[in-house]
Amino acid sequence: MYKIFVGGLSWDTDNESLSAFFDQCGEVVEAYVALDRNSKRSRGFGFVTFAHEEDMQEALKYDGEYLDGRSIKVDVATERGQQ
């Protein structure tokens, strides 16, 4: 699987709208907006997993694009503790 990090998300962006936005890049396996444990409100970032590497590469071109009125940061996701 090929996963990207998406930062700078609007409070209005949810899993479905994140998935729909990146659907234009290729086959989205999962789209996940991180939520605060207590308030259940978006933490302003999420992850999108693609089935194919070329789809992920296409999604990386969306860095700086606008989603729900906010400029987003798109990068390859790394495992916690790795950089």
Protein backbone atom coordinates (compact mmCIF):
# COMPACT_ATOMS: atom_id res chain seq x y z
CA MET A 1 0.00 0.00 0.00
CA TYR A 2 1.08 3.56 -0.68
CA LYS A 3 0.20 6.20 1.91
CA ILE A 4 0.34 9.99 1.89
CA PHE A 5 0.08 12.51 4.71
CA VAL A 6 -2.29 15.43 4.13
CA GLY A 7 -1.93 18.46 6.42
CA GLY A 8 -3.70 21.80 6.72
CA LEU A 9 -7.17 20.28 6.46
CA SER A 10 -10.28 22.33 7.09
CA TRP A 11 -12.40 21.47 10.13
CA ASP A 12 -15.12 20.62 7.58
CA THR A 13 -13.10 17.93 5.79
CA ASP A 14 -14.16 14.40 6.69
CA ASN A 15 -13.13 10.92 5.54
CA GLU A 16 -15.59 10.95 2.64
CA SER A 17 -14.62 14.35 1.23
CA LEU A 18 -10.91 13.55 1.62
CA SER A 19 -11.42 10.30 -0.29
CA ALA A 20 -13.47 12.01 -3.00
CA PHE A 21 -10.80 14.69 -3.49
CA PHE A 22 -8.01 12.17 -4.04
CA ASP A 23 -10.20 9.75 -6.04
CA GLN A 24 -9.21 11.74 -9.11
CA CYS A 25 -5.62 10.48 -8.65
CA GLY A 26 -6.52 6.81 -8.71
CA GLU A 27 -7.78 3.97 -6.54
CA VAL A 28 -8.15 5.14 -2.93
CA VAL A 29 -8.09 2.22 -0.50
CA GLU A 30 -8.64 4.32 2.64
CA ALA A 31 -8.93 7.98 3.61
CA TYR A 32 -8.70 8.91 7.27
CA VAL A 33 -8.98 12.30 8.99
CA ALA A 34 -7.36 12.24 12.44
CA LEU A 35 -9.79 13.20 15.21
CA ASP A 36 -9.16 14.55 18.69
CA ARG A 37 -9.96 11.82 21.22
CA ASN A 38 -11.97 14.08 23.51
CA SER A 39 -13.78 16.51 21.22
CA LYS A 40 -13.99 14.19 18.16
CA ARG A 41 -13.07 17.26 16.08
CA SER A 42 -10.57 17.11 13.22
CA ARG A 43 -6.93 17.56 14.20
CA GLY A 44 -6.29 19.18 10.81
CA PHE A 45 -4.48 16.31 9.15
CA GLY A 46 -5.14 12.90 7.69
CA PHE A 47 -3.85 10.06 5.58
CA VAL A 48 -4.83 8.59 2.23
CA THR A 49 -3.80 5.11 1.14
CA PHE A 50 -3.63 4.18 -2.54
CA ALA A 51 -3.56 0.75 -4.17
CA HIS A 52 -0.87 1.74 -6.67
CA GLU A 53 2.37 3.70 -6.41
CA GLU A 54 1.64 5.73 -9.56
CA ASP A 55 -1.63 6.93 -7.98
CA MET A 56 0.29 8.07 -4.89
CA GLN A 57 2.83 9.86 -7.10
CA GLU A 58 -0.02 11.70 -8.83
CA ALA A 59 -1.49 12.70 -5.44
CA LEU A 60 1.83 14.24 -4.37
CA LYS A 61 1.33 16.81 -7.13
CA TYR A 62 -1.65 18.16 -5.14
CA ASP A 63 0.66 19.76 -2.57
CA GLY A 64 -0.51 23.38 -2.21
CA GLU A 65 -3.90 22.75 -3.83
CA TYR A 66 -7.12 23.86 -2.11
CA LEU A 67 -9.52 21.47 -0.39
CA ASP A 68 -12.57 22.90 1.42
CA GLY A 69 -11.07 26.38 1.18
CA ARG A 70 -7.68 25.52 2.71
CA SER A 71 -4.29 25.06 1.07
CA ILE A 72 -3.16 21.52 1.87
CA LYS A 73 0.28 20.01 2.42
CA VAL A 74 0.78 16.61 0.77
CA ASP A 75 3.79 14.38 1.41
CA VAL A 76 4.68 10.70 1.57
CA ALA A 77 3.62 9.32 4.96
CA THR A 78 6.33 7.92 7.21
CA GLU A 79 5.93 5.56 10.12
CA ARG A 80 6.03 7.13 13.57
CA GLY A 81 9.60 7.63 14.73
CA GLN A 82 11.01 7.58 11.19
CA GLN A 83 11.99 10.67 9.21
